[in-house]
C-alpha cells in the first residue's frame, strides 16, 4: 500500500481522530474508505453517462448521408 503525505487543518485532524476512535478505526482507514467511495461514485456516474450517450446515439436519426469532411474543411474560415 502506498503512503500519502498531506497537510490537514489541526482542528479537522483532531475531529477526525475522535471520529475514528468512536468508530473503532483509524484516520487512515476513514480516509481510504472515503477515497474508495468517491472513486466508486465517479465510476458509477461515468458508466451512467456513457449508457445515456449510447442511448442517445441509438435513438438519433441524424445522418451524414455518407458525406465525409476532412480536417481542413472543418477549420476553413
C-alpha atoms as a PDB file:
ATOM      1  CA  UNK A   1       0.000   0.000   0.000  1.00  0.00           C
ATOM      2  CA  UNK A   2       1.294   3.473  -0.877  1.00  0.00           C
ATOM      3  CA  UNK A   3       1.845   6.169   1.740  1.00  0.00           C
ATOM      4  CA  UNK A   4       0.358   9.640   1.282  1.00  0.00           C
ATOM      5  CA  UNK A   5       1.638  12.778   2.959  1.00  0.00           C
ATOM      6  CA  UNK A   6      -0.708  15.741   3.202  1.00  0.00           C
ATOM      7  CA  UNK A   7      -1.393  18.874   5.186  1.00  0.00           C
ATOM      8  CA  UNK A   8      -4.579  18.964   7.251  1.00  0.00           C
ATOM      9  CA  UNK A   9      -6.001  21.632   9.498  1.00  0.00           C
ATOM     10  CA  UNK A  10      -5.271  20.735  13.142  1.00  0.00           C
ATOM     11  CA  UNK A  11      -8.893  21.101  14.223  1.00  0.00           C
ATOM     12  CA  UNK A  12     -10.068  18.876  11.391  1.00  0.00           C
ATOM     13  CA  UNK A  13      -7.469  16.253  12.273  1.00  0.00           C
ATOM     14  CA  UNK A  14      -8.495  16.263  15.943  1.00  0.00           C
ATOM     15  CA  UNK A  15     -12.133  15.805  14.965  1.00  0.00           C
ATOM     16  CA  UNK A  16     -11.203  13.020  12.551  1.00  0.00           C
ATOM     17  CA  UNK A  17      -9.214  11.244  15.278  1.00  0.00           C
ATOM     18  CA  UNK A  18     -12.199  11.439  17.640  1.00  0.00           C
ATOM     19  CA  UNK A  19     -14.456  10.084  14.906  1.00  0.00           C
ATOM     20  CA  UNK A  20     -12.014   7.259  14.244  1.00  0.00           C
ATOM     21  CA  UNK A  21     -11.939   6.331  17.949  1.00  0.00           C
ATOM     22  CA  UNK A  22     -15.747   6.409  18.085  1.00  0.00           C
ATOM     23  CA  UNK A  23     -15.891   4.075  15.087  1.00  0.00           C
ATOM     24  CA  UNK A  24     -13.077   1.838  16.381  1.00  0.00           C
ATOM     25  CA  UNK A  25     -10.916   2.527  13.345  1.00  0.00           C
ATOM     26  CA  UNK A  26      -8.083   4.814  12.253  1.00  0.00           C
ATOM     27  CA  UNK A  27      -7.942   8.127  10.412  1.00  0.00           C
ATOM     28  CA  UNK A  28      -6.119   6.301   7.625  1.00  0.00           C
ATOM     29  CA  UNK A  29      -8.973   3.814   7.318  1.00  0.00           C
ATOM     30  CA  UNK A  30     -11.534   6.627   7.293  1.00  0.00           C
ATOM     31  CA  UNK A  31      -9.541   8.317   4.527  1.00  0.00           C
ATOM     32  CA  UNK A  32      -9.192   5.089   2.497  1.00  0.00           C
ATOM     33  CA  UNK A  33     -12.912   4.391   2.814  1.00  0.00           C
ATOM     34  CA  UNK A  34     -13.791   7.915   1.743  1.00  0.00           C
ATOM     35  CA  UNK A  35     -11.476   7.779  -1.286  1.00  0.00           C
ATOM     36  CA  UNK A  36     -12.856   4.391  -2.296  1.00  0.00           C
ATOM     37  CA  UNK A  37     -16.410   5.718  -2.031  1.00  0.00           C
ATOM     38  CA  UNK A  38     -15.529   8.819  -4.019  1.00  0.00           C
ATOM     39  CA  UNK A  39     -13.949   6.785  -6.816  1.00  0.00           C
ATOM     40  CA  UNK A  40     -16.827   4.308  -6.862  1.00  0.00           C
ATOM     41  CA  UNK A  41     -19.381   7.120  -7.185  1.00  0.00           C
ATOM     42  CA  UNK A  42     -17.371   8.632 -10.038  1.00  0.00           C
ATOM     43  CA  UNK A  43     -17.143   5.258 -11.806  1.00  0.00           C
ATOM     44  CA  UNK A  44     -20.913   4.824 -11.438  1.00  0.00           C
ATOM     45  CA  UNK A  45     -21.539   8.338 -12.752  1.00  0.00           C
ATOM     46  CA  UNK A  46     -19.265   7.791 -15.763  1.00  0.00           C
ATOM     47  CA  UNK A  47     -20.914   4.466 -16.535  1.00  0.00           C
ATOM     48  CA  UNK A  48     -24.361   6.063 -16.331  1.00  0.00           C
ATOM     49  CA  UNK A  49     -23.319   8.913 -18.635  1.00  0.00           C
ATOM     50  CA  UNK A  50     -21.778   6.507 -21.145  1.00  0.00           C
ATOM     51  CA  UNK A  51     -25.020   4.466 -21.162  1.00  0.00           C
ATOM     52  CA  UNK A  52     -27.057   7.644 -21.652  1.00  0.00           C
ATOM     53  CA  UNK A  53     -24.833   8.702 -24.538  1.00  0.00           C
ATOM     54  CA  UNK A  54     -25.176   5.256 -26.144  1.00  0.00           C
ATOM     55  CA  UNK A  55     -28.964   5.549 -25.839  1.00  0.00           C
ATOM     56  CA  UNK A  56     -28.915   8.965 -27.484  1.00  0.00           C
ATOM     57  CA  UNK A  57     -26.779   7.650 -30.351  1.00  0.00           C
ATOM     58  CA  UNK A  58     -29.128   4.708 -30.868  1.00  0.00           C
ATOM     59  CA  UNK A  59     -32.224   6.924 -30.810  1.00  0.00           C
ATOM     60  CA  UNK A  60     -30.750   9.542 -33.116  1.00  0.00           C
ATOM     61  CA  UNK A  61     -31.994   9.837 -36.670  1.00  0.00           C
ATOM     62  CA  UNK A  62     -29.129  12.133 -37.651  1.00  0.00           C
ATOM     63  CA  UNK A  63     -27.120  11.105 -40.671  1.00  0.00           C
ATOM     64  CA  UNK A  64     -24.212  12.484 -42.607  1.00  0.00           C
ATOM     65  CA  UNK A  65     -25.657  10.936 -45.759  1.00  0.00           C
ATOM     66  CA  UNK A  66     -22.304   9.288 -46.280  1.00  0.00           C
ATOM     67  CA  UNK A  67     -20.567  12.629 -46.745  1.00  0.00           C
ATOM     68  CA  UNK A  68     -17.015  12.844 -45.469  1.00  0.00           C
ATOM     69  CA  UNK A  69     -15.418  16.081 -44.328  1.00  0.00           C
ATOM     70  CA  UNK A  70     -11.680  16.441 -43.990  1.00  0.00           C
ATOM     71  CA  UNK A  71      -9.990  18.321 -41.194  1.00  0.00           C
ATOM     72  CA  UNK A  72      -9.007  21.300 -43.363  1.00  0.00           C
ATOM     73  CA  UNK A  73     -12.610  21.805 -44.442  1.00  0.00           C
ATOM     74  CA  UNK A  74     -13.790  21.732 -40.830  1.00  0.00           C
ATOM     75  CA  UNK A  75     -11.420  24.531 -39.892  1.00  0.00           C
ATOM     76  CA  UNK A  76     -11.772  26.543 -43.087  1.00  0.00           C
ATOM     77  CA  UNK A  77     -12.920  30.029 -42.159  1.00  0.00           C
END
